[in-house]
């Protein structure tokens, strides 16, 4: 899996080694940074897939940088740790220094794959939450129509569907309108439906 990567490392020489390894593997290095502030600015504007963060990043700890990038869901993080005993590093995909091509590339690919799967899962969760919220609103609107207009459940549902099609709106928009009208004491069907 190929990705757009930012390399955040305080040492220009080590940063160059990492960048060379990544480019040889076909990855696109979109930025190189040496401090926390520059790393954040680049991560927020370049829409990268991965930020490789060294533990000794200037202008703040590397762990703080990695944490903020991950919490704000700006990109996947590959943390470069000084030792395997670094408890903070284990919160992320991490790699113990020194860096070699045969260790860096699998770690990068693993972090990118995890990031992709996580984004797909979050997107699916948002879709399901949206569907559930729409269903709740439609059910509430049907209940209002059934009680105020003496419609059956099927008739109320058909009414909402027809209004949505007629007005080029979503079921959710029509249901929300019916609920809003009912809460203001006006006719739940609205003037257009008469």
N, C-alpha and C. Protein backbone atom coordinates (compact mmCIF):
# COMPACT_ATOMS: atom_id res chain seq x y z
N UNK A 1 0.84 -1.18 0.00
CA UNK A 1 0.00 0.00 0.00
C UNK A 1 0.89 1.24 0.00
N UNK A 2 0.70 2.10 -0.98
CA UNK A 2 1.50 3.30 -1.14
C UNK A 2 0.76 4.47 -0.48
N UNK A 3 1.52 5.36 0.17
CA UNK A 3 0.88 6.47 0.86
C UNK A 3 1.64 7.78 0.76
N UNK A 4 0.92 8.85 1.13
CA UNK A 4 1.52 10.18 1.24
C UNK A 4 2.00 10.32 2.68
N UNK A 5 3.29 10.61 2.84
CA UNK A 5 3.91 10.54 4.16
C UNK A 5 4.64 11.83 4.52
N UNK A 6 4.54 12.21 5.80
CA UNK A 6 5.34 13.28 6.37
C UNK A 6 6.35 12.62 7.30
N UNK A 7 7.61 13.04 7.19
CA UNK A 7 8.65 12.52 8.07
C UNK A 7 9.04 13.64 9.03
N UNK A 8 8.81 13.42 10.33
CA UNK A 8 9.10 14.41 11.37
C UNK A 8 10.23 13.88 12.24
N UNK A 9 11.43 14.41 12.00
CA UNK A 9 12.63 13.93 12.72
C UNK A 9 13.56 15.12 12.93
N UNK A 10 14.16 15.26 14.12
CA UNK A 10 15.03 16.42 14.38
C UNK A 10 16.36 16.38 13.65
N UNK A 11 16.82 15.20 13.27
CA UNK A 11 18.11 15.06 12.61
C UNK A 11 17.95 15.04 11.09
N UNK A 12 18.56 16.00 10.41
CA UNK A 12 18.46 16.06 8.94
C UNK A 12 19.05 14.82 8.29
N UNK A 13 20.14 14.31 8.84
CA UNK A 13 20.80 13.12 8.26
C UNK A 13 19.90 11.89 8.38
N UNK A 14 19.34 11.68 9.56
CA UNK A 14 18.46 10.52 9.75
C UNK A 14 17.15 10.69 8.98
N UNK A 15 16.67 11.92 8.89
CA UNK A 15 15.47 12.19 8.12
C UNK A 15 15.69 11.83 6.65
N UNK A 16 16.88 12.17 6.13
CA UNK A 16 17.20 11.86 4.73
C UNK A 16 17.23 10.35 4.49
N UNK A 17 17.78 9.60 5.43
CA UNK A 17 17.82 8.14 5.31
C UNK A 17 16.39 7.58 5.23
N UNK A 18 15.53 8.05 6.14
CA UNK A 18 14.15 7.57 6.17
C UNK A 18 13.42 7.94 4.87
N UNK A 19 13.60 9.17 4.42
CA UNK A 19 12.96 9.63 3.18
C UNK A 19 13.43 8.81 1.99
N UNK A 20 14.73 8.54 1.91
CA UNK A 20 15.26 7.73 0.80
C UNK A 20 14.66 6.33 0.80
N UNK A 21 14.57 5.72 1.97
CA UNK A 21 13.99 4.37 2.07
C UNK A 21 12.53 4.39 1.60
N UNK A 22 11.79 5.38 2.06
CA UNK A 22 10.36 5.47 1.70
C UNK A 22 10.17 5.71 0.21
N UNK A 23 10.98 6.59 -0.36
CA UNK A 23 10.85 6.89 -1.79
C UNK A 23 11.23 5.69 -2.65
N UNK A 24 12.27 4.97 -2.24
CA UNK A 24 12.66 3.76 -2.99
C UNK A 24 11.56 2.71 -2.97
N UNK A 25 10.77 2.71 -1.90
CA UNK A 25 9.65 1.75 -1.80
C UNK A 25 8.41 2.24 -2.54
N UNK A 26 8.48 3.45 -3.12
CA UNK A 26 7.37 3.97 -3.91
C UNK A 26 6.43 4.92 -3.18
N UNK A 27 6.73 5.23 -1.94
CA UNK A 27 5.88 6.15 -1.19
C UNK A 27 6.19 7.60 -1.58
N UNK A 28 5.21 8.46 -1.41
CA UNK A 28 5.37 9.87 -1.71
C UNK A 28 5.60 10.61 -0.39
N UNK A 29 6.79 11.16 -0.22
CA UNK A 29 7.08 11.96 0.97
C UNK A 29 6.68 13.39 0.62
N UNK A 30 5.61 13.87 1.29
CA UNK A 30 5.07 15.18 0.95
C UNK A 30 5.68 16.30 1.78
N UNK A 31 6.33 15.96 2.89
CA UNK A 31 6.97 16.98 3.72
C UNK A 31 7.97 16.35 4.67
N UNK A 32 8.98 17.14 5.02
CA UNK A 32 9.96 16.76 6.04
C UNK A 32 9.94 17.88 7.07
N UNK A 33 9.83 17.52 8.34
CA UNK A 33 9.78 18.51 9.40
C UNK A 33 10.73 18.14 10.53
N UNK A 34 11.06 19.13 11.35
CA UNK A 34 11.98 18.87 12.45
C UNK A 34 11.43 19.31 13.80
N UNK A 35 10.23 19.94 13.79
CA UNK A 35 9.66 20.38 15.06
C UNK A 35 8.15 20.14 15.08
N UNK A 36 7.59 20.26 16.28
CA UNK A 36 6.18 19.95 16.49
C UNK A 36 5.26 20.89 15.72
N UNK A 37 5.47 22.18 15.80
CA UNK A 37 4.61 23.15 15.13
C UNK A 37 4.54 22.96 13.63
N UNK A 38 5.70 22.81 13.01
CA UNK A 38 5.76 22.61 11.56
C UNK A 38 5.07 21.31 11.17
N UNK A 39 5.25 20.28 11.99
CA UNK A 39 4.62 18.99 11.72
C UNK A 39 3.10 19.12 11.73
N UNK A 40 2.56 19.83 12.73
CA UNK A 40 1.10 20.03 12.79
C UNK A 40 0.59 20.81 11.59
N UNK A 41 1.29 21.88 11.24
CA UNK A 41 0.84 22.68 10.09
C UNK A 41 0.81 21.84 8.82
N UNK A 42 1.84 21.05 8.62
CA UNK A 42 1.89 20.20 7.41
C UNK A 42 0.82 19.11 7.45
N UNK A 43 0.64 18.48 8.60
CA UNK A 43 -0.35 17.40 8.71
C UNK A 43 -1.77 17.93 8.47
N UNK A 44 -2.03 19.15 8.92
CA UNK A 44 -3.37 19.72 8.77
C UNK A 44 -3.65 20.24 7.35
N UNK A 45 -2.62 20.55 6.60
CA UNK A 45 -2.83 21.13 5.26
C UNK A 45 -2.56 20.17 4.11
N UNK A 46 -1.76 19.15 4.33
CA UNK A 46 -1.36 18.28 3.21
C UNK A 46 -2.20 17.01 3.07
N UNK A 47 -3.06 16.74 4.05
CA UNK A 47 -3.92 15.56 4.00
C UNK A 47 -3.14 14.29 3.67
N UNK A 48 -2.15 14.03 4.50
CA UNK A 48 -1.31 12.87 4.28
C UNK A 48 -1.96 11.63 4.87
N UNK A 49 -1.36 10.48 4.57
CA UNK A 49 -1.86 9.20 5.09
C UNK A 49 -1.13 8.79 6.36
N UNK A 50 0.14 9.21 6.48
CA UNK A 50 0.97 8.75 7.58
C UNK A 50 1.97 9.83 7.98
N UNK A 51 2.19 9.95 9.29
CA UNK A 51 3.26 10.81 9.79
C UNK A 51 4.21 9.93 10.57
N UNK A 52 5.47 9.90 10.15
CA UNK A 52 6.52 9.18 10.87
C UNK A 52 7.08 10.19 11.87
N UNK A 53 6.91 9.91 13.17
CA UNK A 53 7.28 10.86 14.22
C UNK A 53 8.40 10.27 15.07
N UNK A 54 9.52 11.01 15.16
CA UNK A 54 10.61 10.58 16.02
C UNK A 54 10.33 11.02 17.45
N UNK A 55 10.74 10.22 18.41
CA UNK A 55 10.50 10.52 19.82
C UNK A 55 11.18 11.81 20.27
N UNK A 56 12.28 12.20 19.62
CA UNK A 56 13.03 13.39 20.03
C UNK A 56 12.71 14.63 19.24
N UNK A 57 11.51 14.74 18.72
CA UNK A 57 11.12 15.89 17.89
C UNK A 57 11.30 17.20 18.64
N UNK A 58 11.87 18.19 17.95
CA UNK A 58 12.12 19.51 18.55
C UNK A 58 10.81 20.26 18.80
N UNK A 59 10.83 21.18 19.77
CA UNK A 59 9.68 22.02 20.03
C UNK A 59 8.57 21.32 20.78
N UNK A 60 8.84 20.23 21.37
CA UNK A 60 7.84 19.44 22.10
C UNK A 60 8.16 17.99 21.91
N UNK A 61 7.66 17.19 22.75
CA UNK A 61 8.00 15.77 22.66
C UNK A 61 7.33 15.13 21.45
N UNK A 62 7.98 14.14 20.94
CA UNK A 62 7.42 13.38 19.82
C UNK A 62 6.14 12.69 20.21
N UNK A 63 6.05 12.25 21.47
CA UNK A 63 4.85 11.54 21.91
C UNK A 63 3.64 12.47 21.91
N UNK A 64 3.86 13.73 22.29
CA UNK A 64 2.76 14.70 22.29
C UNK A 64 2.29 14.96 20.85
N UNK A 65 3.25 15.09 19.95
CA UNK A 65 2.93 15.31 18.53
C UNK A 65 2.13 14.13 17.98
N UNK A 66 2.62 12.93 18.24
CA UNK A 66 1.95 11.72 17.75
C UNK A 66 0.54 11.60 18.32
N UNK A 67 0.40 11.92 19.60
CA UNK A 67 -0.91 11.82 20.26
C UNK A 67 -1.92 12.77 19.63
N UNK A 68 -1.52 14.01 19.40
CA UNK A 68 -2.44 15.00 18.82
C UNK A 68 -2.81 14.62 17.39
N UNK A 69 -1.85 14.18 16.62
CA UNK A 69 -2.13 13.77 15.23
C UNK A 69 -3.14 12.63 15.21
N UNK A 70 -2.95 11.68 16.11
CA UNK A 70 -3.86 10.54 16.16
C UNK A 70 -5.23 10.94 16.68
N UNK A 71 -5.29 11.71 17.77
CA UNK A 71 -6.57 12.11 18.36
C UNK A 71 -7.39 12.97 17.41
N UNK A 72 -6.73 13.83 16.65
CA UNK A 72 -7.42 14.68 15.68
C UNK A 72 -7.68 13.96 14.36
N UNK A 73 -7.26 12.71 14.29
CA UNK A 73 -7.43 11.85 13.11
C UNK A 73 -6.91 12.52 11.84
N UNK A 74 -5.72 13.11 11.97
CA UNK A 74 -5.09 13.76 10.82
C UNK A 74 -4.43 12.76 9.90
N UNK A 75 -3.89 11.69 10.47
CA UNK A 75 -3.19 10.67 9.69
C UNK A 75 -2.85 9.51 10.61
N UNK A 76 -2.38 8.44 10.01
CA UNK A 76 -1.82 7.34 10.81
C UNK A 76 -0.48 7.83 11.36
N UNK A 77 -0.04 7.20 12.44
CA UNK A 77 1.22 7.58 13.06
C UNK A 77 2.11 6.34 13.16
N UNK A 78 3.36 6.53 12.76
CA UNK A 78 4.40 5.53 13.02
C UNK A 78 5.40 6.22 13.92
N UNK A 79 5.50 5.76 15.16
CA UNK A 79 6.34 6.39 16.16
C UNK A 79 7.69 5.70 16.19
N UNK A 80 8.77 6.49 16.13
CA UNK A 80 10.13 5.96 16.18
C UNK A 80 10.62 6.06 17.62
N UNK A 81 10.71 4.92 18.29
CA UNK A 81 11.05 4.88 19.72
C UNK A 81 12.53 4.57 19.92
N UNK A 82 13.04 5.00 21.06
CA UNK A 82 14.43 4.72 21.41
C UNK A 82 14.62 3.30 21.92
N UNK A 83 13.58 2.74 22.53
CA UNK A 83 13.68 1.36 23.03
C UNK A 83 12.32 0.69 23.02
N UNK A 84 12.35 -0.60 23.16
CA UNK A 84 11.12 -1.38 23.18
C UNK A 84 10.39 -1.23 24.52
N UNK A 85 11.04 -0.62 25.49
CA UNK A 85 10.45 -0.44 26.82
C UNK A 85 9.67 0.86 26.94
N UNK A 86 9.57 1.63 25.87
CA UNK A 86 8.86 2.90 25.89
C UNK A 86 7.35 2.61 25.90
N UNK A 87 6.72 2.77 27.07
CA UNK A 87 5.30 2.48 27.23
C UNK A 87 4.42 3.40 26.39
N UNK A 88 4.86 4.66 26.22
CA UNK A 88 4.07 5.60 25.43
C UNK A 88 4.04 5.21 23.96
N UNK A 89 5.16 4.69 23.47
CA UNK A 89 5.25 4.32 22.05
C UNK A 89 4.26 3.22 21.70
N UNK A 90 3.93 2.39 22.66
CA UNK A 90 3.06 1.24 22.38
C UNK A 90 1.60 1.65 22.14
N UNK A 91 1.31 2.94 22.29
CA UNK A 91 -0.04 3.43 21.96
C UNK A 91 -0.22 3.53 20.45
N UNK A 92 0.87 3.50 19.71
CA UNK A 92 0.85 3.70 18.26
C UNK A 92 1.50 2.51 17.58
N UNK A 93 1.48 2.55 16.24
CA UNK A 93 2.39 1.67 15.52
C UNK A 93 3.77 2.26 15.80
N UNK A 94 4.70 1.44 16.21
CA UNK A 94 6.01 2.00 16.54
C UNK A 94 7.11 1.10 16.00
N UNK A 95 8.27 1.71 15.92
CA UNK A 95 9.46 1.03 15.42
C UNK A 95 10.63 1.47 16.29
N UNK A 96 11.40 0.50 16.76
CA UNK A 96 12.55 0.82 17.61
C UNK A 96 13.74 1.15 16.72
N UNK A 97 14.42 2.27 17.05
CA UNK A 97 15.60 2.69 16.30
C UNK A 97 16.78 1.78 16.64
N UNK A 98 17.73 1.61 15.74
CA UNK A 98 17.94 2.28 14.45
C UNK A 98 16.98 1.76 13.37
N UNK A 99 16.83 2.58 12.35
CA UNK A 99 15.89 2.31 11.27
C UNK A 99 16.61 1.65 10.10
N UNK A 100 16.04 0.58 9.61
CA UNK A 100 16.54 -0.12 8.42
C UNK A 100 15.39 -0.27 7.44
N UNK A 101 15.70 -0.41 6.17
CA UNK A 101 14.64 -0.54 5.18
C UNK A 101 13.77 -1.77 5.43
N UNK A 102 14.37 -2.88 5.86
CA UNK A 102 13.61 -4.11 6.08
C UNK A 102 12.73 -4.05 7.34
N UNK A 103 12.91 -3.05 8.18
CA UNK A 103 12.00 -2.87 9.32
C UNK A 103 11.03 -1.70 9.08
N UNK A 104 11.51 -0.66 8.40
CA UNK A 104 10.67 0.52 8.19
C UNK A 104 9.50 0.24 7.25
N UNK A 105 9.76 -0.39 6.12
CA UNK A 105 8.72 -0.58 5.12
C UNK A 105 7.56 -1.44 5.64
N UNK A 106 7.81 -2.59 6.28
CA UNK A 106 6.67 -3.34 6.83
C UNK A 106 5.89 -2.55 7.89
N UNK A 107 6.60 -1.77 8.71
CA UNK A 107 5.93 -0.97 9.74
C UNK A 107 5.06 0.11 9.09
N UNK A 108 5.56 0.75 8.05
CA UNK A 108 4.80 1.77 7.33
C UNK A 108 3.56 1.14 6.70
N UNK A 109 3.74 0.01 6.03
CA UNK A 109 2.61 -0.65 5.37
C UNK A 109 1.56 -1.10 6.38
N UNK A 110 2.00 -1.58 7.52
CA UNK A 110 1.07 -1.98 8.57
C UNK A 110 0.28 -0.79 9.10
N UNK A 111 0.95 0.32 9.35
CA UNK A 111 0.29 1.53 9.84
C UNK A 111 -0.70 2.07 8.81
N UNK A 112 -0.31 2.06 7.53
CA UNK A 112 -1.20 2.54 6.47
C UNK A 112 -2.44 1.65 6.33
N UNK A 113 -2.24 0.35 6.41
CA UNK A 113 -3.37 -0.58 6.30
C UNK A 113 -4.33 -0.40 7.47
N UNK A 114 -3.78 -0.26 8.67
CA UNK A 114 -4.61 -0.04 9.84
C UNK A 114 -5.41 1.25 9.70
N UNK A 115 -4.74 2.31 9.23
CA UNK A 115 -5.39 3.61 9.03
C UNK A 115 -6.54 3.50 8.03
N UNK A 116 -6.30 2.80 6.93
CA UNK A 116 -7.34 2.62 5.92
C UNK A 116 -8.53 1.87 6.50
N UNK A 117 -8.27 0.78 7.20
CA UNK A 117 -9.35 -0.01 7.80
C UNK A 117 -10.11 0.79 8.85
N UNK A 118 -9.38 1.55 9.65
CA UNK A 118 -10.02 2.35 10.68
C UNK A 118 -10.94 3.41 10.06
N UNK A 119 -10.48 4.07 9.00
CA UNK A 119 -11.30 5.08 8.33
C UNK A 119 -12.54 4.47 7.69
N UNK A 120 -12.38 3.29 7.09
CA UNK A 120 -13.53 2.60 6.50
C UNK A 120 -14.54 2.24 7.58
N UNK A 121 -14.05 1.77 8.72
CA UNK A 121 -14.94 1.40 9.82
C UNK A 121 -15.65 2.63 10.38
N UNK A 122 -14.93 3.73 10.56
CA UNK A 122 -15.55 4.96 11.07
C UNK A 122 -16.59 5.50 10.10
N UNK A 123 -16.30 5.40 8.81
CA UNK A 123 -17.25 5.84 7.80
C UNK A 123 -18.52 5.00 7.86
N UNK A 124 -18.35 3.70 8.00
CA UNK A 124 -19.50 2.78 8.09
C UNK A 124 -20.31 3.07 9.36
N UNK A 125 -19.64 3.35 10.46
CA UNK A 125 -20.34 3.68 11.71
C UNK A 125 -21.15 4.95 11.53
N UNK A 126 -20.56 5.97 10.89
CA UNK A 126 -21.29 7.22 10.65
C UNK A 126 -22.52 6.99 9.78
N UNK A 127 -22.38 6.14 8.75
CA UNK A 127 -23.52 5.84 7.88
C UNK A 127 -24.63 5.15 8.68
N UNK A 128 -24.25 4.19 9.51
CA UNK A 128 -25.24 3.46 10.31
C UNK A 128 -25.91 4.38 11.33
N UNK A 129 -25.14 5.26 11.94
CA UNK A 129 -25.72 6.23 12.88
C UNK A 129 -26.70 7.15 12.17
N UNK A 130 -26.35 7.58 10.95
CA UNK A 130 -27.22 8.44 10.17
C UNK A 130 -28.52 7.72 9.81
N UNK A 131 -28.40 6.45 9.40
CA UNK A 131 -29.60 5.67 9.07
C UNK A 131 -30.48 5.49 10.30
N UNK A 132 -29.87 5.21 11.44
CA UNK A 132 -30.63 5.03 12.67
C UNK A 132 -31.35 6.32 13.06
N UNK A 133 -30.65 7.44 12.96
CA UNK A 133 -31.27 8.73 13.29
C UNK A 133 -32.42 9.04 12.34
N UNK A 134 -32.23 8.75 11.05
CA UNK A 134 -33.31 8.96 10.08
C UNK A 134 -34.51 8.10 10.42
N UNK A 135 -34.23 6.85 10.76
CA UNK A 135 -35.33 5.93 11.10
C UNK A 135 -36.10 6.43 12.33
N UNK A 136 -35.37 6.92 13.33
CA UNK A 136 -36.02 7.44 14.54
C UNK A 136 -36.91 8.63 14.20
N UNK A 137 -36.40 9.55 13.36
CA UNK A 137 -37.18 10.72 12.98
C UNK A 137 -38.41 10.34 12.17
N UNK A 138 -38.24 9.41 11.24
CA UNK A 138 -39.37 8.97 10.41
C UNK A 138 -40.42 8.29 11.29
N UNK A 139 -39.98 7.46 12.22
CA UNK A 139 -40.94 6.79 13.12
C UNK A 139 -41.69 7.80 13.99
N UNK A 140 -40.98 8.80 14.46
CA UNK A 140 -41.63 9.85 15.27
C UNK A 140 -42.63 10.63 14.42
N UNK A 141 -42.23 10.96 13.20
CA UNK A 141 -43.14 11.70 12.30
C UNK A 141 -44.36 10.85 11.96
N UNK A 142 -44.16 9.56 11.73
CA UNK A 142 -45.30 8.67 11.46
C UNK A 142 -46.25 8.66 12.65
N UNK A 143 -45.69 8.61 13.85
CA UNK A 143 -46.53 8.63 15.05
C UNK A 143 -47.36 9.90 15.13
N UNK A 144 -46.76 11.03 14.79
CA UNK A 144 -47.48 12.31 14.79
C UNK A 144 -48.61 12.28 13.76
N UNK A 145 -48.30 11.82 12.55
CA UNK A 145 -49.32 11.76 11.50
C UNK A 145 -50.44 10.80 11.88
N UNK A 146 -50.08 9.69 12.51
CA UNK A 146 -51.09 8.71 12.91
C UNK A 146 -52.03 9.28 13.97
N UNK A 147 -51.48 10.04 14.90
CA UNK A 147 -52.33 10.57 15.97
C UNK A 147 -53.10 11.81 15.55
N UNK A 148 -52.50 12.70 14.80
CA UNK A 148 -53.15 13.97 14.45
C UNK A 148 -54.02 13.86 13.19
N UNK A 149 -53.66 12.98 12.29
CA UNK A 149 -54.40 12.89 11.03
C UNK A 149 -55.10 11.56 10.86
N UNK A 150 -55.06 10.76 11.90
CA UNK A 150 -55.74 9.45 11.91
C UNK A 150 -55.36 8.59 10.71
N UNK A 151 -54.09 8.58 10.40
CA UNK A 151 -53.57 7.73 9.31
C UNK A 151 -53.11 6.41 9.90
N UNK A 152 -53.10 5.38 9.06
CA UNK A 152 -52.48 4.12 9.48
C UNK A 152 -50.97 4.30 9.38
N UNK A 153 -50.23 3.37 9.95
CA UNK A 153 -48.77 3.47 9.87
C UNK A 153 -48.29 3.44 8.43
N UNK A 154 -48.87 2.55 7.61
CA UNK A 154 -48.48 2.46 6.20
C UNK A 154 -48.81 3.75 5.45
N UNK A 155 -49.98 4.32 5.72
CA UNK A 155 -50.37 5.57 5.06
C UNK A 155 -49.43 6.71 5.46
N UNK A 156 -49.09 6.76 6.74
CA UNK A 156 -48.17 7.80 7.22
C UNK A 156 -46.80 7.66 6.55
N UNK A 157 -46.33 6.44 6.43
CA UNK A 157 -45.03 6.22 5.79
C UNK A 157 -45.10 6.60 4.31
N UNK A 158 -46.18 6.20 3.64
CA UNK A 158 -46.34 6.54 2.23
C UNK A 158 -46.42 8.05 2.04
N UNK A 159 -47.09 8.73 2.97
CA UNK A 159 -47.19 10.19 2.89
C UNK A 159 -45.80 10.83 2.95
N UNK A 160 -45.00 10.38 3.88
CA UNK A 160 -43.64 10.92 4.03
C UNK A 160 -42.83 10.64 2.76
N UNK A 161 -42.93 9.44 2.23
CA UNK A 161 -42.21 9.09 1.00
C UNK A 161 -42.65 9.97 -0.18
N UNK A 162 -43.97 10.13 -0.33
CA UNK A 162 -44.50 10.92 -1.46
C UNK A 162 -44.07 12.39 -1.35
N UNK A 163 -44.12 12.93 -0.13
CA UNK A 163 -43.70 14.32 0.07
C UNK A 163 -42.21 14.48 -0.27
N UNK A 164 -41.41 13.50 0.14
CA UNK A 164 -39.97 13.56 -0.14
C UNK A 164 -39.74 13.54 -1.65
N UNK A 165 -40.44 12.66 -2.35
CA UNK A 165 -40.27 12.58 -3.81
C UNK A 165 -40.80 13.84 -4.49
N UNK A 166 -41.95 14.31 -4.07
CA UNK A 166 -42.57 15.48 -4.69
C UNK A 166 -41.71 16.73 -4.54
N UNK A 167 -41.08 16.87 -3.38
CA UNK A 167 -40.31 18.08 -3.10
C UNK A 167 -38.81 17.89 -3.32
N UNK A 168 -38.41 16.70 -3.72
CA UNK A 168 -36.98 16.47 -3.94
C UNK A 168 -36.18 16.57 -2.65
N UNK A 169 -36.78 16.07 -1.59
CA UNK A 169 -36.14 16.11 -0.27
C UNK A 169 -35.90 14.70 0.22
N UNK A 170 -35.19 14.60 1.32
CA UNK A 170 -34.95 13.28 1.92
C UNK A 170 -36.08 12.96 2.90
N UNK A 171 -36.22 11.68 3.22
CA UNK A 171 -37.20 11.27 4.22
C UNK A 171 -36.93 11.99 5.54
N UNK A 172 -35.66 12.12 5.84
CA UNK A 172 -35.25 12.76 7.11
C UNK A 172 -35.70 14.22 7.15
N UNK A 173 -35.55 14.93 6.04
CA UNK A 173 -35.95 16.34 6.00
C UNK A 173 -37.46 16.49 6.18
N UNK A 174 -38.23 15.64 5.52
CA UNK A 174 -39.69 15.70 5.64
C UNK A 174 -40.11 15.34 7.06
N UNK A 175 -39.51 14.28 7.61
CA UNK A 175 -39.85 13.88 8.98
C UNK A 175 -39.52 14.98 9.97
N UNK A 176 -38.37 15.61 9.81
CA UNK A 176 -37.98 16.70 10.72
C UNK A 176 -38.95 17.87 10.60
N UNK A 177 -39.42 18.15 9.41
CA UNK A 177 -40.39 19.23 9.21
C UNK A 177 -41.71 18.92 9.89
N UNK A 178 -42.18 17.69 9.76
CA UNK A 178 -43.43 17.27 10.41
C UNK A 178 -43.30 17.40 11.92
N UNK A 179 -42.17 16.96 12.46
CA UNK A 179 -41.93 17.04 13.91
C UNK A 179 -41.88 18.49 14.36
N UNK A 180 -41.20 19.34 13.58
CA UNK A 180 -41.10 20.76 13.95
C UNK A 180 -42.47 21.43 13.93
N UNK A 181 -43.28 21.14 12.93
CA UNK A 181 -44.62 21.73 12.85
C UNK A 181 -45.49 21.28 14.02
N UNK A 182 -45.37 20.01 14.37
CA UNK A 182 -46.16 19.48 15.48
C UNK A 182 -45.74 20.11 16.80
N UNK A 183 -44.44 20.36 16.95
CA UNK A 183 -43.96 20.95 18.21
C UNK A 183 -44.35 22.42 18.33
N UNK A 184 -44.63 23.06 17.19
CA UNK A 184 -45.07 24.47 17.21
C UNK A 184 -46.59 24.58 17.22
N UNK A 185 -47.25 23.43 17.26
CA UNK A 185 -48.71 23.43 17.33
C UNK A 185 -49.40 23.64 16.00
N UNK A 186 -48.67 23.66 14.89
CA UNK A 186 -49.31 23.82 13.59
C UNK A 186 -49.66 22.46 13.01
N UNK A 187 -50.33 22.51 11.87
CA UNK A 187 -50.77 21.30 11.19
C UNK A 187 -49.55 20.45 10.80
N UNK A 188 -49.54 19.21 11.23
CA UNK A 188 -48.38 18.32 10.96
C UNK A 188 -48.21 18.07 9.47
N UNK A 189 -49.34 18.13 8.71
CA UNK A 189 -49.24 17.86 7.27
C UNK A 189 -48.74 19.06 6.50
N UNK A 190 -48.86 20.22 7.03
CA UNK A 190 -48.40 21.42 6.33
C UNK A 190 -49.37 21.84 5.26
N UNK A 191 -49.23 23.06 4.82
CA UNK A 191 -50.16 23.62 3.81
C UNK A 191 -50.00 22.96 2.47
N UNK A 192 -48.75 22.55 2.13
CA UNK A 192 -48.50 22.01 0.80
C UNK A 192 -49.23 20.68 0.59
N UNK A 193 -49.50 19.93 1.65
CA UNK A 193 -50.03 18.59 1.48
C UNK A 193 -51.55 18.57 1.37
N UNK A 194 -52.21 19.71 1.54
CA UNK A 194 -53.68 19.72 1.47
C UNK A 194 -54.17 19.81 0.07
